[in-house]
PDB file of N, CA and C in Angstrom:
ATOM      1  N   UNK A   1      52.319 107.621  86.384  1.00  0.00           N
ATOM      2  CA  UNK A   1      53.581 108.294  86.171  1.00  0.00           C
ATOM      3  C   UNK A   1      54.273 108.507  87.514  1.00  0.00           C
ATOM      4  N   UNK A   2      55.558 108.376  87.518  1.00  0.00           N
ATOM      5  CA  UNK A   2      56.352 108.484  88.722  1.00  0.00           C
ATOM      6  C   UNK A   2      56.668 109.950  88.997  1.00  0.00           C
ATOM      7  N   UNK A   3      56.279 110.421  90.174  1.00  0.00           N
ATOM      8  CA  UNK A   3      56.544 111.804  90.558  1.00  0.00           C
ATOM      9  C   UNK A   3      57.766 111.827  91.472  1.00  0.00           C
ATOM     10  N   UNK A   4      58.821 112.477  91.040  1.00  0.00           N
ATOM     11  CA  UNK A   4      60.059 112.515  91.801  1.00  0.00           C
ATOM     12  C   UNK A   4      60.113 113.764  92.664  1.00  0.00           C
ATOM     13  N   UNK A   5      60.636 113.576  93.855  1.00  0.00           N
ATOM     14  CA  UNK A   5      60.840 114.709  94.759  1.00  0.00           C
ATOM     15  C   UNK A   5      62.036 115.517  94.271  1.00  0.00           C
ATOM     16  N   UNK A   6      62.172 116.725  94.783  1.00  0.00           N
ATOM     17  CA  UNK A   6      63.275 117.593  94.374  1.00  0.00           C
ATOM     18  C   UNK A   6      64.630 116.955  94.671  1.00  0.00           C
ATOM     19  N   UNK A   7      64.738 116.279  95.808  1.00  0.00           N
ATOM     20  CA  UNK A   7      66.013 115.646  96.154  1.00  0.00           C
ATOM     21  C   UNK A   7      66.344 114.528  95.168  1.00  0.00           C
ATOM     22  N   UNK A   8      65.344 113.766  94.743  1.00  0.00           N
ATOM     23  CA  UNK A   8      65.580 112.699  93.768  1.00  0.00           C
ATOM     24  C   UNK A   8      66.001 113.274  92.416  1.00  0.00           C
ATOM     25  N   UNK A   9      65.358 114.381  92.025  1.00  0.00           N
ATOM     26  CA  UNK A   9      65.737 115.026  90.775  1.00  0.00           C
ATOM     27  C   UNK A   9      67.180 115.533  90.839  1.00  0.00           C
ATOM     28  N   UNK A  10      67.544 116.069  91.991  1.00  0.00           N
ATOM     29  CA  UNK A  10      68.904 116.566  92.178  1.00  0.00           C
ATOM     30  C   UNK A  10      69.923 115.428  92.042  1.00  0.00           C
ATOM     31  N   UNK A  11      69.623 114.296  92.670  1.00  0.00           N
ATOM     32  CA  UNK A  11      70.537 113.151  92.600  1.00  0.00           C
ATOM     33  C   UNK A  11      70.664 112.663  91.160  1.00  0.00           C
ATOM     34  N   UNK A  12      69.557 112.565  90.448  1.00  0.00           N
ATOM     35  CA  UNK A  12      69.616 112.142  89.050  1.00  0.00           C
ATOM     36  C   UNK A  12      70.406 113.129  88.201  1.00  0.00           C
ATOM     37  N   UNK A  13      70.224 114.402  88.472  1.00  0.00           N
ATOM     38  CA  UNK A  13      70.962 115.428  87.736  1.00  0.00           C
ATOM     39  C   UNK A  13      72.458 115.356  88.047  1.00  0.00           C
ATOM     40  N   UNK A  14      72.804 115.192  89.310  1.00  0.00           N
ATOM     41  CA  UNK A  14      74.211 115.101  89.705  1.00  0.00           C
ATOM     42  C   UNK A  14      74.854 113.834  89.148  1.00  0.00           C
ATOM     43  N   UNK A  15      74.114 112.756  89.126  1.00  0.00           N
ATOM     44  CA  UNK A  15      74.635 111.487  88.640  1.00  0.00           C
ATOM     45  C   UNK A  15      74.954 111.544  87.148  1.00  0.00           C
ATOM     46  N   UNK A  16      74.296 112.412  86.432  1.00  0.00           N
ATOM     47  CA  UNK A  16      74.554 112.529  84.997  1.00  0.00           C
ATOM     48  C   UNK A  16      75.717 113.479  84.690  1.00  0.00           C
ATOM     49  N   UNK A  17      76.238 114.157  85.698  1.00  0.00           N
ATOM     50  CA  UNK A  17      77.361 115.080  85.494  1.00  0.00           C
ATOM     51  C   UNK A  17      78.628 114.286  85.174  1.00  0.00           C
ATOM     52  N   UNK A  18      79.496 114.829  84.318  1.00  0.00           N
ATOM     53  CA  UNK A  18      80.746 114.137  84.010  1.00  0.00           C
ATOM     54  C   UNK A  18      81.644 114.049  85.241  1.00  0.00           C
ATOM     55  N   UNK A  19      82.290 112.913  85.393  1.00  0.00           N
ATOM     56  CA  UNK A  19      83.217 112.652  86.509  1.00  0.00           C
ATOM     57  C   UNK A  19      82.540 112.846  87.864  1.00  0.00           C
ATOM     58  N   UNK A  20      81.304 112.432  87.956  1.00  0.00           N
ATOM     59  CA  UNK A  20      80.548 112.586  89.204  1.00  0.00           C
ATOM     60  C   UNK A  20      81.223 111.828  90.353  1.00  0.00           C
ATOM     61  N   UNK A  21      81.666 110.599  90.092  1.00  0.00           N
ATOM     62  CA  UNK A  21      82.288 109.798  91.146  1.00  0.00           C
ATOM     63  C   UNK A  21      83.522 110.484  91.711  1.00  0.00           C
ATOM     64  N   UNK A  22      84.352 111.007  90.841  1.00  0.00           N
ATOM     65  CA  UNK A  22      85.559 111.689  91.282  1.00  0.00           C
ATOM     66  C   UNK A  22      85.220 112.940  92.089  1.00  0.00           C
ATOM     67  N   UNK A  23      84.251 113.690  91.629  1.00  0.00           N
ATOM     68  CA  UNK A  23      83.839 114.898  92.362  1.00  0.00           C
ATOM     69  C   UNK A  23      83.268 114.547  93.731  1.00  0.00           C
ATOM     70  N   UNK A  24      82.469 113.485  93.782  1.00  0.00           N
ATOM     71  CA  UNK A  24      81.886 113.069  95.053  1.00  0.00           C
ATOM     72  C   UNK A  24      82.972 112.614  96.028  1.00  0.00           C
ATOM     73  N   UNK A  25      83.944 111.841  95.539  1.00  0.00           N
ATOM     74  CA  UNK A  25      85.049 111.396  96.391  1.00  0.00           C
ATOM     75  C   UNK A  25      85.863 112.590  96.871  1.00  0.00           C
ATOM     76  N   UNK A  26      86.028 113.583  96.015  1.00  0.00           N
ATOM     77  CA  UNK A  26      86.774 114.782  96.405  1.00  0.00           C
ATOM     78  C   UNK A  26      86.060 115.543  97.519  1.00  0.00           C
ATOM     79  N   UNK A  27      84.760 115.644  97.417  1.00  0.00           N
ATOM     80  CA  UNK A  27      83.981 116.330  98.456  1.00  0.00           C
ATOM     81  C   UNK A  27      84.072 115.565  99.769  1.00  0.00           C
ATOM     82  N   UNK A  28      83.954 114.245  99.712  1.00  0.00           N
ATOM     83  CA  UNK A  28      84.060 113.422 100.931  1.00  0.00           C
ATOM     84  C   UNK A  28      85.446 113.553 101.551  1.00  0.00           C
ATOM     85  N   UNK A  29      86.479 113.535 100.709  1.00  0.00           N
ATOM     86  CA  UNK A  29      87.845 113.689 101.208  1.00  0.00           C
ATOM     87  C   UNK A  29      88.029 115.044 101.874  1.00  0.00           C
ATOM     88  N   UNK A  30      87.486 116.073 101.278  1.00  0.00           N
ATOM     89  CA  UNK A  30      87.611 117.415 101.848  1.00  0.00           C
ATOM     90  C   UNK A  30      86.954 117.496 103.220  1.00  0.00           C
ATOM     91  N   UNK A  31      85.853 116.786 103.401  1.00  0.00           N
ATOM     92  CA  UNK A  31      85.143 116.812 104.677  1.00  0.00           C
ATOM     93  C   UNK A  31      85.907 116.073 105.776  1.00  0.00           C
ATOM     94  N   UNK A  32      86.648 115.019 105.419  1.00  0.00           N
ATOM     95  CA  UNK A  32      87.335 114.201 106.427  1.00  0.00           C
ATOM     96  C   UNK A  32      88.824 114.494 106.525  1.00  0.00           C
ATOM     97  N   UNK A  33      89.342 115.365 105.682  1.00  0.00           N
ATOM     98  CA  UNK A  33      90.774 115.628 105.618  1.00  0.00           C
ATOM     99  C   UNK A  33      91.347 116.101 106.957  1.00  0.00           C
ATOM    100  N   UNK A  34      90.730 117.067 107.566  1.00  0.00           N
ATOM    101  CA  UNK A  34      91.253 117.628 108.816  1.00  0.00           C
ATOM    102  C   UNK A  34      91.299 116.584 109.928  1.00  0.00           C
ATOM    103  N   UNK A  35      90.278 115.738 110.020  1.00  0.00           N
ATOM    104  CA  UNK A  35      90.271 114.692 111.043  1.00  0.00           C
ATOM    105  C   UNK A  35      91.394 113.682 110.809  1.00  0.00           C
ATOM    106  N   UNK A  36      91.596 113.316 109.562  1.00  0.00           N
ATOM    107  CA  UNK A  36      92.653 112.358 109.234  1.00  0.00           C
ATOM    108  C   UNK A  36      94.028 112.941 109.516  1.00  0.00           C
ATOM    109  N   UNK A  37      94.230 114.204 109.200  1.00  0.00           N
ATOM    110  CA  UNK A  37      95.513 114.861 109.463  1.00  0.00           C
ATOM    111  C   UNK A  37      95.750 114.962 110.966  1.00  0.00           C
ATOM    112  N   UNK A  38      94.715 115.276 111.720  1.00  0.00           N
ATOM    113  CA  UNK A  38      94.839 115.372 113.173  1.00  0.00           C
ATOM    114  C   UNK A  38      95.245 114.019 113.759  1.00  0.00           C
ATOM    115  N   UNK A  39      94.599 112.939 113.314  1.00  0.00           N
ATOM    116  CA  UNK A  39      94.944 111.602 113.795  1.00  0.00           C
ATOM    117  C   UNK A  39      96.367 111.226 113.407  1.00  0.00           C
ATOM    118  N   UNK A  40      96.764 111.582 112.202  1.00  0.00           N
ATOM    119  CA  UNK A  40      98.119 111.279 111.742  1.00  0.00           C
ATOM    120  C   UNK A  40      99.151 112.057 112.546  1.00  0.00           C
ATOM    121  N   UNK A  41      98.872 113.317 112.854  1.00  0.00           N
ATOM    122  CA  UNK A  41      99.793 114.116 113.658  1.00  0.00           C
ATOM    123  C   UNK A  41      99.964 113.548 115.058  1.00  0.00           C
ATOM    124  N   UNK A  42      98.905 113.025 115.638  1.00  0.00           N
ATOM    125  CA  UNK A  42      98.988 112.404 116.959  1.00  0.00           C
ATOM    126  C   UNK A  42      99.911 111.191 116.905  1.00  0.00           C
ATOM    127  N   UNK A  43      99.766 110.369 115.862  1.00  0.00           N
ATOM    128  CA  UNK A  43     100.612 109.183 115.722  1.00  0.00           C
ATOM    129  C   UNK A  43     102.073 109.570 115.484  1.00  0.00           C
ATOM    130  N   UNK A  44     102.297 110.592 114.686  1.00  0.00           N
ATOM    131  CA  UNK A  44     103.668 111.046 114.430  1.00  0.00           C
ATOM    132  C   UNK A  44     104.293 111.593 115.707  1.00  0.00           C
ATOM    133  N   UNK A  45     103.523 112.329 116.498  1.00  0.00           N
ATOM    134  CA  UNK A  45     104.038 112.845 117.769  1.00  0.00           C
ATOM    135  C   UNK A  45     104.416 111.716 118.714  1.00  0.00           C
ATOM    136  N   UNK A  46     103.628 110.651 118.745  1.00  0.00           N
ATOM    137  CA  UNK A  46     103.948 109.506 119.605  1.00  0.00           C
ATOM    138  C   UNK A  46     105.249 108.847 119.179  1.00  0.00           C
ATOM    139  N   UNK A  47     105.428 108.689 117.862  1.00  0.00           N
ATOM    140  CA  UNK A  47     106.671 108.091 117.366  1.00  0.00           C
ATOM    141  C   UNK A  47     107.856 108.999 117.671  1.00  0.00           C
ATOM    142  N   UNK A  48     107.693 110.289 117.462  1.00  0.00           N
ATOM    143  CA  UNK A  48     108.768 111.243 117.741  1.00  0.00           C
ATOM    144  C   UNK A  48     109.145 111.209 119.221  1.00  0.00           C
ATOM    145  N   UNK A  49     108.151 111.191 120.098  1.00  0.00           N
ATOM    146  CA  UNK A  49     108.422 111.140 121.539  1.00  0.00           C
ATOM    147  C   UNK A  49     109.128 109.851 121.932  1.00  0.00           C
ATOM    148  N   UNK A  50     108.761 108.733 121.287  1.00  0.00           N
ATOM    149  CA  UNK A  50     109.407 107.456 121.573  1.00  0.00           C
ATOM    150  C   UNK A  50     110.889 107.508 121.199  1.00  0.00           C
ATOM    151  N   UNK A  51     111.196 108.014 119.999  1.00  0.00           N
ATOM    152  CA  UNK A  51     112.591 108.102 119.584  1.00  0.00           C
ATOM    153  C   UNK A  51     113.361 109.120 120.415  1.00  0.00           C
ATOM    154  N   UNK A  52     112.730 110.182 120.809  1.00  0.00           N
ATOM    155  CA  UNK A  52     113.362 111.176 121.668  1.00  0.00           C
ATOM    156  C   UNK A  52     113.712 110.552 123.017  1.00  0.00           C
ATOM    157  N   UNK A  53     112.807 109.742 123.553  1.00  0.00           N
ATOM    158  CA  UNK A  53     113.056 109.052 124.817  1.00  0.00           C
ATOM    159  C   UNK A  53     114.226 108.080 124.672  1.00  0.00           C
ATOM    160  N   UNK A  54     114.265 107.358 123.552  1.00  0.00           N
ATOM    161  CA  UNK A  54     115.364 106.415 123.333  1.00  0.00           C
ATOM    162  C   UNK A  54     116.710 107.129 123.243  1.00  0.00           C
ATOM    163  N   UNK A  55     116.743 108.267 122.575  1.00  0.00           N
ATOM    164  CA  UNK A  55     118.005 108.982 122.421  1.00  0.00           C
ATOM    165  C   UNK A  55     118.520 109.545 123.738  1.00  0.00           C
ATOM    166  N   UNK A  56     117.631 109.914 124.632  1.00  0.00           N
ATOM    167  CA  UNK A  56     118.026 110.526 125.901  1.00  0.00           C
ATOM    168  C   UNK A  56     118.232 109.513 127.011  1.00  0.00           C
ATOM    169  N   UNK A  57     117.802 108.274 126.823  1.00  0.00           N
ATOM    170  CA  UNK A  57     117.844 107.269 127.872  1.00  0.00           C
ATOM    171  C   UNK A  57     119.160 106.490 127.808  1.00  0.00           C
ATOM    172  N   UNK A  58     120.011 106.656 128.819  1.00  0.00           N
ATOM    173  CA  UNK A  58     121.295 105.964 128.867  1.00  0.00           C
ATOM    174  C   UNK A  58     121.102 104.454 129.069  1.00  0.00           C
ATOM    175  N   UNK A  59     120.070 104.071 129.766  1.00  0.00           N
ATOM    176  CA  UNK A  59     119.800 102.652 129.994  1.00  0.00           C
ATOM    177  C   UNK A  59     119.490 101.944 128.669  1.00  0.00           C
ATOM    178  N   UNK A  60     118.849 102.639 127.764  1.00  0.00           N
ATOM    179  CA  UNK A  60     118.556 102.058 126.454  1.00  0.00           C
ATOM    180  C   UNK A  60     119.848 101.720 125.716  1.00  0.00           C
ATOM    181  N   UNK A  61     120.838 102.620 125.796  1.00  0.00           N
ATOM    182  CA  UNK A  61     122.112 102.362 125.134  1.00  0.00           C
ATOM    183  C   UNK A  61     122.811 101.136 125.730  1.00  0.00           C
ATOM    184  N   UNK A  62     122.745 100.979 127.031  1.00  0.00           N
ATOM    185  CA  UNK A  62     123.338  99.800 127.687  1.00  0.00           C
ATOM    186  C   UNK A  62     122.599  98.539 127.254  1.00  0.00           C
ATOM    187  N   UNK A  63     121.305  98.602 127.183  1.00  0.00           N
ATOM    188  CA  UNK A  63     120.495  97.461 126.769  1.00  0.00           C
ATOM    189  C   UNK A  63     120.826  97.085 125.326  1.00  0.00           C
ATOM    190  N   UNK A  64     120.928  98.076 124.457  1.00  0.00           N
ATOM    191  CA  UNK A  64     121.254  97.836 123.059  1.00  0.00           C
ATOM    192  C   UNK A  64     122.669  97.268 122.923  1.00  0.00           C
ATOM    193  N   UNK A  65     123.591  97.779 123.719  1.00  0.00           N
ATOM    194  CA  UNK A  65     124.965  97.277 123.701  1.00  0.00           C
ATOM    195  C   UNK A  65     125.004  95.800 124.106  1.00  0.00           C
ATOM    196  N   UNK A  66     124.241  95.440 125.107  1.00  0.00           N
ATOM    197  CA  UNK A  66     124.177  94.055 125.560  1.00  0.00           C
ATOM    198  C   UNK A  66     123.590  93.143 124.484  1.00  0.00           C
ATOM    199  N   UNK A  67     122.525  93.581 123.843  1.00  0.00           N
ATOM    200  CA  UNK A  67     121.897  92.778 122.790  1.00  0.00           C
ATOM    201  C   UNK A  67     122.848  92.599 121.615  1.00  0.00           C
ATOM    202  N   UNK A  68     123.532  93.667 121.223  1.00  0.00           N
ATOM    203  CA  UNK A  68     124.479  93.564 120.109  1.00  0.00           C
ATOM    204  C   UNK A  68     125.660  92.663 120.458  1.00  0.00           C
ATOM    205  N   UNK A  69     126.151  92.766 121.684  1.00  0.00           N
ATOM    206  CA  UNK A  69     127.255  91.906 122.108  1.00  0.00           C
ATOM    207  C   UNK A  69     126.819  90.443 122.121  1.00  0.00           C
ATOM    208  N   UNK A  70     125.624  90.177 122.599  1.00  0.00           N
ATOM    209  CA  UNK A  70     125.087  88.825 122.618  1.00  0.00           C
ATOM    210  C   UNK A  70     124.934  88.288 121.195  1.00  0.00           C
ATOM    211  N   UNK A  71     124.433  89.117 120.287  1.00  0.00           N
ATOM    212  CA  UNK A  71     124.290  88.710 118.895  1.00  0.00           C
ATOM    213  C   UNK A  71     125.626  88.438 118.241  1.00  0.00           C
ATOM    214  N   UNK A  72     126.630  89.268 118.538  1.00  0.00           N
ATOM    215  CA  UNK A  72     127.968  89.047 117.994  1.00  0.00           C
ATOM    216  C   UNK A  72     128.564  87.752 118.530  1.00  0.00           C
ATOM    217  N   UNK A  73     128.332  87.463 119.811  1.00  0.00           N
ATOM    218  CA  UNK A  73     128.823  86.219 120.395  1.00  0.00           C
ATOM    219  C   UNK A  73     128.176  85.010 119.711  1.00  0.00           C
ATOM    220  N   UNK A  74     126.849  85.097 119.475  1.00  0.00           N
ATOM    221  CA  UNK A  74     126.166  83.976 118.831  1.00  0.00           C
ATOM    222  C   UNK A  74     126.629  83.778 117.384  1.00  0.00           C
ATOM    223  N   UNK A  75     126.958  84.859 116.696  1.00  0.00           N
ATOM    224  CA  UNK A  75     127.446  84.762 115.327  1.00  0.00           C
ATOM    225  C   UNK A  75     128.869  84.238 115.270  1.00  0.00           C
ATOM    226  N   UNK A  76     129.608  84.404 116.330  1.00  0.00           N
ATOM    227  CA  UNK A  76     131.011  83.971 116.328  1.00  0.00           C
ATOM    228  C   UNK A  76     131.803  84.814 115.363  1.00  0.00           C
ATOM    229  N   UNK A  77     132.572  84.169 114.531  1.00  0.00           N
ATOM    230  CA  UNK A  77     133.374  84.904 113.560  1.00  0.00           C
ATOM    231  C   UNK A  77     132.672  85.009 112.213  1.00  0.00           C
ATOM    232  N   UNK A  78     131.442  84.550 112.158  1.00  0.00           N
ATOM    233  CA  UNK A  78     130.686  84.580 110.893  1.00  0.00           C
ATOM    234  C   UNK A  78     130.208  85.996 110.609  1.00  0.00           C
ATOM    235  N   UNK A  79     130.293  86.405 109.348  1.00  0.00           N
ATOM    236  CA  UNK A  79     129.803  87.713 108.943  1.00  0.00           C
ATOM    237  C   UNK A  79     128.359  87.671 108.503  1.00  0.00           C
ATOM    238  N   UNK A  80     127.765  86.489 108.504  1.00  0.00           N
ATOM    239  CA  UNK A  80     126.406  86.351 108.007  1.00  0.00           C
ATOM    240  C   UNK A  80     125.413  86.703 109.063  1.00  0.00           C
TER     241      UNK A  80
END
């Protein structure tokens, strides 16, 4: 006869619970949520700082003006 340890019995009992997979995924998500939010906030801050730099940089506006003028010249009178 197979003698199961307490941990094995617990796993078998948990596996028979309704919606076990969903509950397990929820527990895993809860454990990693703060780390994921922290990483996402870092990325959002980098994007925000990049756009803030672009808005304050006068050289960027000159560069963009040059690119747009060049594109308009290449298009000629075409609206496409």
